[in-house]
């Protein structure tokens, strides 16, 4: 396999939807683990059922997969490019 970085990846990478969705998925996974230990989010225990952040993580991950197939014109000056 031949791997190459995306052209101007430092400027484009933060603009990809799939990158932000992956970040949100990771963040909600971390919140679920922290919530399971009751360390930071004890106020949520009464309002959010267990597994809520895991469910959000799965939703963000699926949306990230879909975002990989969507073209984002704004990243290439009007030309279609794959999001991602």
PDB file of N, CA and C in Angstrom:
ATOM      1  N   UNK A   1       0.832  -1.185   0.000  1.00  0.00           N
ATOM      2  CA  UNK A   1       0.000   0.000   0.000  1.00  0.00           C
ATOM      3  C   UNK A   1       0.873   1.242   0.000  1.00  0.00           C
ATOM      4  N   UNK A   2       0.379   2.247  -0.653  1.00  0.00           N
ATOM      5  CA  UNK A   2       1.080   3.511  -0.735  1.00  0.00           C
ATOM      6  C   UNK A   2       0.219   4.579  -0.066  1.00  0.00           C
ATOM      7  N   UNK A   3       0.678   5.105   1.050  1.00  0.00           N
ATOM      8  CA  UNK A   3      -0.070   6.113   1.773  1.00  0.00           C
ATOM      9  C   UNK A   3       0.521   7.485   1.506  1.00  0.00           C
ATOM     10  N   UNK A   4      -0.365   8.455   1.266  1.00  0.00           N
ATOM     11  CA  UNK A   4       0.062   9.833   1.059  1.00  0.00           C
ATOM     12  C   UNK A   4      -0.827  10.744   1.879  1.00  0.00           C
ATOM     13  N   UNK A   5      -0.246  11.837   2.370  1.00  0.00           N
ATOM     14  CA  UNK A   5      -1.037  12.819   3.088  1.00  0.00           C
ATOM     15  C   UNK A   5      -1.889  13.615   2.105  1.00  0.00           C
ATOM     16  N   UNK A   6      -3.002  14.113   2.589  1.00  0.00           N
ATOM     17  CA  UNK A   6      -3.875  14.981   1.809  1.00  0.00           C
ATOM     18  C   UNK A   6      -3.122  16.278   1.538  1.00  0.00           C
ATOM     19  N   UNK A   7      -3.257  16.816   0.321  1.00  0.00           N
ATOM     20  CA  UNK A   7      -2.629  18.107   0.017  1.00  0.00           C
ATOM     21  C   UNK A   7      -3.124  19.141   1.018  1.00  0.00           C
ATOM     22  N   UNK A   8      -2.203  19.924   1.546  1.00  0.00           N
ATOM     23  CA  UNK A   8      -2.509  20.978   2.515  1.00  0.00           C
ATOM     24  C   UNK A   8      -3.327  20.439   3.683  1.00  0.00           C
ATOM     25  N   UNK A   9      -2.922  19.268   4.208  1.00  0.00           N
ATOM     26  CA  UNK A   9      -3.728  18.616   5.228  1.00  0.00           C
ATOM     27  C   UNK A   9      -3.853  19.447   6.509  1.00  0.00           C
ATOM     28  N   UNK A  10      -2.862  20.247   6.835  1.00  0.00           N
ATOM     29  CA  UNK A  10      -2.948  21.052   8.055  1.00  0.00           C
ATOM     30  C   UNK A  10      -4.072  22.073   7.975  1.00  0.00           C
ATOM     31  N   UNK A  11      -4.351  22.563   6.779  1.00  0.00           N
ATOM     32  CA  UNK A  11      -5.413  23.541   6.599  1.00  0.00           C
ATOM     33  C   UNK A  11      -6.764  22.856   6.382  1.00  0.00           C
ATOM     34  N   UNK A  12      -6.788  21.737   5.678  1.00  0.00           N
ATOM     35  CA  UNK A  12      -8.040  21.068   5.332  1.00  0.00           C
ATOM     36  C   UNK A  12      -8.562  20.125   6.403  1.00  0.00           C
ATOM     37  N   UNK A  13      -7.659  19.442   7.094  1.00  0.00           N
ATOM     38  CA  UNK A  13      -8.046  18.387   8.032  1.00  0.00           C
ATOM     39  C   UNK A  13      -9.099  18.841   9.038  1.00  0.00           C
ATOM     40  N   UNK A  14      -8.947  20.019   9.672  1.00  0.00           N
ATOM     41  CA  UNK A  14      -9.958  20.445  10.642  1.00  0.00           C
ATOM     42  C   UNK A  14     -11.316  20.780  10.023  1.00  0.00           C
ATOM     43  N   UNK A  15     -11.385  20.911   8.717  1.00  0.00           N
ATOM     44  CA  UNK A  15     -12.650  21.271   8.074  1.00  0.00           C
ATOM     45  C   UNK A  15     -13.487  20.060   7.675  1.00  0.00           C
ATOM     46  N   UNK A  16     -12.914  18.874   7.726  1.00  0.00           N
ATOM     47  CA  UNK A  16     -13.656  17.680   7.311  1.00  0.00           C
ATOM     48  C   UNK A  16     -14.699  17.302   8.362  1.00  0.00           C
ATOM     49  N   UNK A  17     -15.914  17.062   7.904  1.00  0.00           N
ATOM     50  CA  UNK A  17     -16.996  16.660   8.795  1.00  0.00           C
ATOM     51  C   UNK A  17     -16.647  15.366   9.515  1.00  0.00           C
ATOM     52  N   UNK A  18     -16.079  14.416   8.792  1.00  0.00           N
ATOM     53  CA  UNK A  18     -15.790  13.113   9.390  1.00  0.00           C
ATOM     54  C   UNK A  18     -14.784  13.227  10.534  1.00  0.00           C
ATOM     55  N   UNK A  19     -13.884  14.200  10.462  1.00  0.00           N
ATOM     56  CA  UNK A  19     -12.917  14.404  11.539  1.00  0.00           C
ATOM     57  C   UNK A  19     -13.638  14.889  12.798  1.00  0.00           C
ATOM     58  N   UNK A  20     -14.535  15.841  12.641  1.00  0.00           N
ATOM     59  CA  UNK A  20     -15.285  16.356  13.781  1.00  0.00           C
ATOM     60  C   UNK A  20     -16.215  15.295  14.362  1.00  0.00           C
ATOM     61  N   UNK A  21     -16.833  14.501  13.505  1.00  0.00           N
ATOM     62  CA  UNK A  21     -17.708  13.438  13.994  1.00  0.00           C
ATOM     63  C   UNK A  21     -16.912  12.365  14.727  1.00  0.00           C
ATOM     64  N   UNK A  22     -15.726  12.051  14.252  1.00  0.00           N
ATOM     65  CA  UNK A  22     -14.863  11.100  14.956  1.00  0.00           C
ATOM     66  C   UNK A  22     -14.451  11.663  16.315  1.00  0.00           C
ATOM     67  N   UNK A  23     -14.157  12.954  16.365  1.00  0.00           N
ATOM     68  CA  UNK A  23     -13.814  13.591  17.635  1.00  0.00           C
ATOM     69  C   UNK A  23     -14.992  13.534  18.604  1.00  0.00           C
ATOM     70  N   UNK A  24     -16.191  13.826  18.136  1.00  0.00           N
ATOM     71  CA  UNK A  24     -17.378  13.761  18.995  1.00  0.00           C
ATOM     72  C   UNK A  24     -17.647  12.341  19.473  1.00  0.00           C
ATOM     73  N   UNK A  25     -17.412  11.366  18.603  1.00  0.00           N
ATOM     74  CA  UNK A  25     -17.563   9.967  18.989  1.00  0.00           C
ATOM     75  C   UNK A  25     -16.579   9.606  20.099  1.00  0.00           C
ATOM     76  N   UNK A  26     -15.341  10.030  19.950  1.00  0.00           N
ATOM     77  CA  UNK A  26     -14.333   9.762  20.967  1.00  0.00           C
ATOM     78  C   UNK A  26     -14.684  10.465  22.270  1.00  0.00           C
ATOM     79  N   UNK A  27     -15.114  11.706  22.192  1.00  0.00           N
ATOM     80  CA  UNK A  27     -15.457  12.473  23.382  1.00  0.00           C
ATOM     81  C   UNK A  27     -16.627  11.838  24.134  1.00  0.00           C
ATOM     82  N   UNK A  28     -17.649  11.416  23.413  1.00  0.00           N
ATOM     83  CA  UNK A  28     -18.791  10.797  24.084  1.00  0.00           C
ATOM     84  C   UNK A  28     -18.415   9.434  24.676  1.00  0.00           C
ATOM     85  N   UNK A  29     -17.483   8.722  24.056  1.00  0.00           N
ATOM     86  CA  UNK A  29     -16.993   7.468  24.650  1.00  0.00           C
ATOM     87  C   UNK A  29     -16.267   7.734  25.966  1.00  0.00           C
ATOM     88  N   UNK A  30     -15.436   8.760  25.981  1.00  0.00           N
ATOM     89  CA  UNK A  30     -14.717   9.127  27.200  1.00  0.00           C
ATOM     90  C   UNK A  30     -15.712   9.545  28.289  1.00  0.00           C
ATOM     91  N   UNK A  31     -16.730  10.317  27.914  1.00  0.00           N
ATOM     92  CA  UNK A  31     -17.735  10.730  28.894  1.00  0.00           C
ATOM     93  C   UNK A  31     -18.477   9.534  29.474  1.00  0.00           C
ATOM     94  N   UNK A  32     -18.731   8.513  28.650  1.00  0.00           N
ATOM     95  CA  UNK A  32     -19.394   7.306  29.147  1.00  0.00           C
ATOM     96  C   UNK A  32     -18.521   6.584  30.163  1.00  0.00           C
ATOM     97  N   UNK A  33     -17.235   6.478  29.891  1.00  0.00           N
ATOM     98  CA  UNK A  33     -16.329   5.815  30.825  1.00  0.00           C
ATOM     99  C   UNK A  33     -16.243   6.609  32.126  1.00  0.00           C
ATOM    100  N   UNK A  34     -16.093   7.914  32.012  1.00  0.00           N
ATOM    101  CA  UNK A  34     -16.007   8.766  33.195  1.00  0.00           C
ATOM    102  C   UNK A  34     -17.311   8.700  33.982  1.00  0.00           C
ATOM    103  N   UNK A  35     -18.435   8.698  33.282  1.00  0.00           N
ATOM    104  CA  UNK A  35     -19.734   8.627  33.934  1.00  0.00           C
ATOM    105  C   UNK A  35     -19.912   7.289  34.654  1.00  0.00           C
ATOM    106  N   UNK A  36     -19.375   6.215  34.093  1.00  0.00           N
ATOM    107  CA  UNK A  36     -19.477   4.897  34.723  1.00  0.00           C
ATOM    108  C   UNK A  36     -18.760   4.877  36.073  1.00  0.00           C
ATOM    109  N   UNK A  37     -17.685   5.633  36.195  1.00  0.00           N
ATOM    110  CA  UNK A  37     -16.969   5.708  37.465  1.00  0.00           C
ATOM    111  C   UNK A  37     -17.556   6.760  38.399  1.00  0.00           C
ATOM    112  N   UNK A  38     -18.466   7.587  37.878  1.00  0.00           N
ATOM    113  CA  UNK A  38     -19.089   8.616  38.699  1.00  0.00           C
ATOM    114  C   UNK A  38     -18.125   9.694  39.146  1.00  0.00           C
ATOM    115  N   UNK A  39     -17.090   9.915  38.371  1.00  0.00           N
ATOM    116  CA  UNK A  39     -16.041  10.844  38.777  1.00  0.00           C
ATOM    117  C   UNK A  39     -16.426  12.292  38.495  1.00  0.00           C
ATOM    118  N   UNK A  40     -16.809  12.589  37.271  1.00  0.00           N
ATOM    119  CA  UNK A  40     -17.012  13.976  36.886  1.00  0.00           C
ATOM    120  C   UNK A  40     -18.487  14.326  36.689  1.00  0.00           C
ATOM    121  N   UNK A  41     -19.308  13.353  36.342  1.00  0.00           N
ATOM    122  CA  UNK A  41     -20.676  13.664  35.951  1.00  0.00           C
ATOM    123  C   UNK A  41     -21.743  13.095  36.899  1.00  0.00           C
ATOM    124  N   UNK A  42     -21.599  13.212  38.210  1.00  0.00           N
ATOM    125  CA  UNK A  42     -22.628  12.640  39.083  1.00  0.00           C
ATOM    126  C   UNK A  42     -23.985  13.332  38.927  1.00  0.00           C
ATOM    127  N   UNK A  43     -23.987  14.575  38.479  1.00  0.00           N
ATOM    128  CA  UNK A  43     -25.255  15.280  38.286  1.00  0.00           C
ATOM    129  C   UNK A  43     -26.074  14.653  37.162  1.00  0.00           C
ATOM    130  N   UNK A  44     -25.401  14.004  36.196  1.00  0.00           N
ATOM    131  CA  UNK A  44     -26.108  13.385  35.081  1.00  0.00           C
ATOM    132  C   UNK A  44     -26.734  12.036  35.440  1.00  0.00           C
ATOM    133  N   UNK A  45     -26.320  11.435  36.549  1.00  0.00           N
ATOM    134  CA  UNK A  45     -26.801  10.101  36.891  1.00  0.00           C
ATOM    135  C   UNK A  45     -28.318  10.063  37.048  1.00  0.00           C
ATOM    136  N   UNK A  46     -28.893  11.124  37.602  1.00  0.00           N
ATOM    137  CA  UNK A  46     -30.333  11.159  37.816  1.00  0.00           C
ATOM    138  C   UNK A  46     -31.098  11.494  36.541  1.00  0.00           C
ATOM    139  N   UNK A  47     -30.465  12.204  35.609  1.00  0.00           N
ATOM    140  CA  UNK A  47     -31.179  12.658  34.411  1.00  0.00           C
ATOM    141  C   UNK A  47     -30.903  11.816  33.182  1.00  0.00           C
ATOM    142  N   UNK A  48     -29.724  11.230  33.074  1.00  0.00           N
ATOM    143  CA  UNK A  48     -29.377  10.436  31.900  1.00  0.00           C
ATOM    144  C   UNK A  48     -29.232   8.968  32.279  1.00  0.00           C
ATOM    145  N   UNK A  49     -29.918   8.094  31.565  1.00  0.00           N
ATOM    146  CA  UNK A  49     -29.760   6.666  31.858  1.00  0.00           C
ATOM    147  C   UNK A  49     -28.369   6.178  31.440  1.00  0.00           C
ATOM    148  N   UNK A  50     -27.891   5.097  32.065  1.00  0.00           N
ATOM    149  CA  UNK A  50     -26.588   4.549  31.681  1.00  0.00           C
ATOM    150  C   UNK A  50     -26.575   4.162  30.199  1.00  0.00           C
ATOM    151  N   UNK A  51     -25.470   4.397  29.562  1.00  0.00           N
ATOM    152  CA  UNK A  51     -25.339   4.038  28.151  1.00  0.00           C
ATOM    153  C   UNK A  51     -25.692   5.142  27.182  1.00  0.00           C
ATOM    154  N   UNK A  52     -26.134   6.276  27.687  1.00  0.00           N
ATOM    155  CA  UNK A  52     -26.535   7.375  26.805  1.00  0.00           C
ATOM    156  C   UNK A  52     -25.350   7.872  25.979  1.00  0.00           C
ATOM    157  N   UNK A  53     -24.196   8.031  26.605  1.00  0.00           N
ATOM    158  CA  UNK A  53     -23.026   8.519  25.881  1.00  0.00           C
ATOM    159  C   UNK A  53     -22.491   7.461  24.913  1.00  0.00           C
ATOM    160  N   UNK A  54     -22.648   6.187  25.256  1.00  0.00           N
ATOM    161  CA  UNK A  54     -22.263   5.121  24.318  1.00  0.00           C
ATOM    162  C   UNK A  54     -23.136   5.162  23.075  1.00  0.00           C
ATOM    163  N   UNK A  55     -24.424   5.394  23.277  1.00  0.00           N
ATOM    164  CA  UNK A  55     -25.342   5.497  22.147  1.00  0.00           C
ATOM    165  C   UNK A  55     -24.964   6.697  21.269  1.00  0.00           C
ATOM    166  N   UNK A  56     -24.652   7.828  21.893  1.00  0.00           N
ATOM    167  CA  UNK A  56     -24.226   9.003  21.131  1.00  0.00           C
ATOM    168  C   UNK A  56     -22.937   8.720  20.361  1.00  0.00           C
ATOM    169  N   UNK A  57     -22.027   8.006  20.976  1.00  0.00           N
ATOM    170  CA  UNK A  57     -20.774   7.655  20.312  1.00  0.00           C
ATOM    171  C   UNK A  57     -21.040   6.832  19.060  1.00  0.00           C
ATOM    172  N   UNK A  58     -21.937   5.871  19.163  1.00  0.00           N
ATOM    173  CA  UNK A  58     -22.282   5.043  18.002  1.00  0.00           C
ATOM    174  C   UNK A  58     -22.938   5.880  16.906  1.00  0.00           C
ATOM    175  N   UNK A  59     -23.814   6.798  17.286  1.00  0.00           N
ATOM    176  CA  UNK A  59     -24.479   7.663  16.299  1.00  0.00           C
ATOM    177  C   UNK A  59     -23.449   8.534  15.582  1.00  0.00           C
ATOM    178  N   UNK A  60     -22.530   9.146  16.344  1.00  0.00           N
ATOM    179  CA  UNK A  60     -21.489   9.981  15.728  1.00  0.00           C
ATOM    180  C   UNK A  60     -20.596   9.158  14.800  1.00  0.00           C
ATOM    181  N   UNK A  61     -20.287   7.919  15.189  1.00  0.00           N
ATOM    182  CA  UNK A  61     -19.438   7.066  14.355  1.00  0.00           C
ATOM    183  C   UNK A  61     -20.136   6.734  13.035  1.00  0.00           C
ATOM    184  N   UNK A  62     -21.424   6.417  13.083  1.00  0.00           N
ATOM    185  CA  UNK A  62     -22.175   6.114  11.853  1.00  0.00           C
ATOM    186  C   UNK A  62     -22.268   7.359  10.974  1.00  0.00           C
ATOM    187  N   UNK A  63     -22.513   8.503  11.587  1.00  0.00           N
ATOM    188  CA  UNK A  63     -22.566   9.752  10.812  1.00  0.00           C
ATOM    189  C   UNK A  63     -21.210  10.059  10.184  1.00  0.00           C
ATOM    190  N   UNK A  64     -20.121   9.728  10.880  1.00  0.00           N
ATOM    191  CA  UNK A  64     -18.787   9.917  10.324  1.00  0.00           C
ATOM    192  C   UNK A  64     -18.545   9.049   9.108  1.00  0.00           C
ATOM    193  N   UNK A  65     -19.065   7.823   9.142  1.00  0.00           N
ATOM    194  CA  UNK A  65     -18.942   6.932   7.978  1.00  0.00           C
ATOM    195  C   UNK A  65     -19.698   7.511   6.796  1.00  0.00           C
ATOM    196  N   UNK A  66     -20.892   8.023   7.043  1.00  0.00           N
ATOM    197  CA  UNK A  66     -21.683   8.641   5.971  1.00  0.00           C
ATOM    198  C   UNK A  66     -20.973   9.897   5.446  1.00  0.00           C
ATOM    199  N   UNK A  67     -20.394  10.679   6.347  1.00  0.00           N
ATOM    200  CA  UNK A  67     -19.713  11.916   5.945  1.00  0.00           C
ATOM    201  C   UNK A  67     -18.519  11.643   5.041  1.00  0.00           C
ATOM    202  N   UNK A  68     -17.911  10.467   5.155  1.00  0.00           N
ATOM    203  CA  UNK A  68     -16.777  10.123   4.284  1.00  0.00           C
ATOM    204  C   UNK A  68     -17.210  10.041   2.818  1.00  0.00           C
ATOM    205  N   UNK A  69     -18.486   9.775   2.576  1.00  0.00           N
ATOM    206  CA  UNK A  69     -18.964   9.623   1.203  1.00  0.00           C
ATOM    207  C   UNK A  69     -19.523  10.927   0.629  1.00  0.00           C
ATOM    208  N   UNK A  70     -19.721  11.933   1.453  1.00  0.00           N
ATOM    209  CA  UNK A  70     -20.292  13.200   1.010  1.00  0.00           C
ATOM    210  C   UNK A  70     -19.172  14.101   0.498  1.00  0.00           C
ATOM    211  N   UNK A  71     -19.427  14.790  -0.594  1.00  0.00           N
ATOM    212  CA  UNK A  71     -18.433  15.706  -1.152  1.00  0.00           C
ATOM    213  C   UNK A  71     -18.611  17.089  -0.536  1.00  0.00           C
ATOM    214  N   UNK A  72     -17.491  17.710  -0.203  1.00  0.00           N
ATOM    215  CA  UNK A  72     -17.501  19.049   0.353  1.00  0.00           C
ATOM    216  C   UNK A  72     -16.848  20.005  -0.637  1.00  0.00           C
ATOM    217  N   UNK A  73     -17.651  20.811  -1.307  1.00  0.00           N
ATOM    218  CA  UNK A  73     -17.128  21.736  -2.312  1.00  0.00           C
ATOM    219  C   UNK A  73     -16.294  22.848  -1.685  1.00  0.00           C
ATOM    220  N   UNK A  74     -16.590  23.218  -0.457  1.00  0.00           N
ATOM    221  CA  UNK A  74     -15.925  24.360   0.152  1.00  0.00           C
ATOM    222  C   UNK A  74     -14.439  24.121   0.429  1.00  0.00           C
ATOM    223  N   UNK A  75     -13.981  22.891   0.375  1.00  0.00           N
ATOM    224  CA  UNK A  75     -12.586  22.619   0.701  1.00  0.00           C
ATOM    225  C   UNK A  75     -11.654  22.709  -0.500  1.00  0.00           C
ATOM    226  N   UNK A  76     -12.203  22.794  -1.683  1.00  0.00           N
ATOM    227  CA  UNK A  76     -11.338  22.812  -2.870  1.00  0.00           C
ATOM    228  C   UNK A  76     -11.626  23.992  -3.784  1.00  0.00           C
ATOM    229  N   UNK A  77     -12.147  25.063  -3.229  1.00  0.00           N
ATOM    230  CA  UNK A  77     -12.420  26.237  -4.036  1.00  0.00           C
ATOM    231  C   UNK A  77     -13.506  26.018  -5.076  1.00  0.00           C
ATOM    232  N   UNK A  78     -14.531  25.240  -4.730  1.00  0.00           N
ATOM    233  CA  UNK A  78     -15.643  25.016  -5.632  1.00  0.00           C
ATOM    234  C   UNK A  78     -15.592  23.687  -6.340  1.00  0.00           C
ATOM    235  N   UNK A  79     -14.442  23.004  -6.331  1.00  0.00           N
ATOM    236  CA  UNK A  79     -14.342  21.693  -6.959  1.00  0.00           C
ATOM    237  C   UNK A  79     -14.803  20.634  -5.978  1.00  0.00           C
ATOM    238  N   UNK A  80     -15.447  19.591  -6.487  1.00  0.00           N
ATOM    239  CA  UNK A  80     -15.884  18.510  -5.631  1.00  0.00           C
ATOM    240  C   UNK A  80     -14.686  17.717  -5.122  1.00  0.00           C
ATOM    241  N   UNK A  81     -14.659  17.487  -3.816  1.00  0.00           N
ATOM    242  CA  UNK A  81     -13.671  16.597  -3.207  1.00  0.00           C
ATOM    243  C   UNK A  81     -14.396  15.726  -2.210  1.00  0.00           C
ATOM    244  N   UNK A  82     -13.891  14.536  -1.992  1.00  0.00           N
ATOM    245  CA  UNK A  82     -14.494  13.681  -0.989  1.00  0.00           C
ATOM    246  C   UNK A  82     -14.252  14.258   0.390  1.00  0.00           C
ATOM    247  N   UNK A  83     -15.293  14.231   1.205  1.00  0.00           N
ATOM    248  CA  UNK A  83     -15.130  14.676   2.586  1.00  0.00           C
ATOM    249  C   UNK A  83     -14.268  13.660   3.299  1.00  0.00           C
ATOM    250  N   UNK A  84     -13.587  14.158   4.270  1.00  0.00           N
ATOM    251  CA  UNK A  84     -12.933  13.242   4.962  1.00  0.00           C
ATOM    252  C   UNK A  84     -11.936  12.928   5.752  1.00  0.00           C
TER     253      UNK A  84
END
